[in-house]
């Protein structure tokens, strides 16, 4: 499912025009992104949770050349599925 398909579904189910449904979807995604950028956890009951994980710097290897490279420390979003979503997917 794409963001556009999600907008279409919200517009159809709630009787919104496409512009209003797009605003709703963008507002939700923006709020979630801002919370993650602040290091906060985002939990949607029955669906899953998003959190930011920190990874330390390390020395790795370029798989093509075998040359050793430095990989910098980073923060990345991580998603963990909720129990209800896992069960729903498993039953399908």
Protein backbone atom coordinates (compact mmCIF):
# COMPACT_ATOMS: atom_id res chain seq x y z
CA UNK A 1 0.00 0.00 0.00
CA UNK A 2 1.29 3.43 -0.89
CA UNK A 3 0.65 6.76 0.78
CA UNK A 4 -1.65 7.69 -2.13
CA UNK A 5 -3.68 4.52 -1.67
CA UNK A 6 -4.01 5.25 2.04
CA UNK A 7 -5.28 8.75 1.23
CA UNK A 8 -7.85 7.26 -1.18
CA UNK A 9 -9.09 4.79 1.46
CA UNK A 10 -9.51 7.51 4.10
CA UNK A 11 -11.33 9.74 1.61
CA UNK A 12 -13.74 6.94 0.68
CA UNK A 13 -14.41 5.63 4.19
CA UNK A 14 -14.82 9.00 5.88
CA UNK A 15 -16.42 10.90 3.00
CA UNK A 16 -13.54 13.41 2.82
CA UNK A 17 -12.37 15.00 -0.38
CA UNK A 18 -8.87 13.91 -1.42
CA UNK A 19 -7.23 17.14 -0.26
CA UNK A 20 -8.64 16.82 3.28
CA UNK A 21 -7.65 13.13 3.45
CA UNK A 22 -4.13 14.05 2.29
CA UNK A 23 -3.89 16.67 5.05
CA UNK A 24 -4.93 14.07 7.64
CA UNK A 25 -2.33 11.53 6.46
CA UNK A 26 0.45 14.13 6.19
CA UNK A 27 -0.34 15.50 9.66
CA UNK A 28 -0.11 12.03 11.20
CA UNK A 29 3.16 11.18 9.45
CA UNK A 30 4.67 14.59 10.25
CA UNK A 31 3.77 14.26 13.94
CA UNK A 32 5.27 10.78 14.09
CA UNK A 33 8.45 11.93 12.33
CA UNK A 34 8.85 14.91 14.65
CA UNK A 35 8.39 12.71 17.73
CA UNK A 36 11.02 10.25 16.48
CA UNK A 37 13.41 13.12 15.68
CA UNK A 38 13.09 14.21 19.33
CA UNK A 39 13.96 10.66 20.39
CA UNK A 40 10.45 9.82 21.55
CA UNK A 41 8.73 6.48 21.06
CA UNK A 42 5.55 6.29 18.95
CA UNK A 43 3.10 3.53 19.86
CA UNK A 44 -0.07 2.66 17.95
CA UNK A 45 -1.93 0.05 19.98
CA UNK A 46 -2.71 -3.10 18.03
CA UNK A 47 -0.40 -2.06 15.18
CA UNK A 48 3.10 -1.58 16.55
CA UNK A 49 5.64 0.86 17.87
CA UNK A 50 8.39 2.99 16.39
CA UNK A 51 11.51 3.98 18.28
CA UNK A 52 14.94 5.37 17.52
CA UNK A 53 17.89 3.05 17.97
CA UNK A 54 21.45 4.26 18.21
CA UNK A 55 24.28 2.40 16.52
CA UNK A 56 27.93 2.93 17.40
CA UNK A 57 30.62 3.58 14.82
CA UNK A 58 32.57 0.58 13.55
CA UNK A 59 35.06 -0.54 10.95
CA UNK A 60 33.49 -2.51 8.13
CA UNK A 61 34.52 -3.82 4.73
CA UNK A 62 33.46 -2.72 1.28
CA UNK A 63 31.94 -5.95 -0.10
CA UNK A 64 33.02 -5.11 -3.64
CA UNK A 65 36.68 -4.26 -3.01
CA UNK A 66 37.31 -5.78 0.41
CA UNK A 67 38.73 -2.42 1.50
CA UNK A 68 38.26 -1.52 5.15
CA UNK A 69 35.91 1.45 5.65
CA UNK A 70 34.81 3.50 8.65
CA UNK A 71 31.06 3.46 9.31
CA UNK A 72 29.99 6.44 11.43
CA UNK A 73 27.68 6.27 14.43
CA UNK A 74 24.04 6.77 13.54
CA UNK A 75 20.47 6.86 14.80
CA UNK A 76 17.83 4.97 12.84
CA UNK A 77 14.10 4.35 13.25
CA UNK A 78 13.06 0.84 14.24
CA UNK A 79 9.56 -0.67 13.98
CA UNK A 80 8.27 -3.49 16.17
CA UNK A 81 4.94 -5.06 15.23
CA UNK A 82 2.18 -5.32 17.77
CA UNK A 83 0.68 -8.64 18.81
CA UNK A 84 -2.68 -8.00 17.11
CA UNK A 85 -1.03 -7.12 13.78
CA UNK A 86 1.23 -10.19 13.93
CA UNK A 87 -1.79 -12.42 14.59
CA UNK A 88 -3.84 -10.80 11.80
CA UNK A 89 -1.04 -11.29 9.28
CA UNK A 90 -0.42 -14.86 10.43
CA UNK A 91 -4.10 -15.81 9.93
CA UNK A 92 -4.24 -14.49 6.37
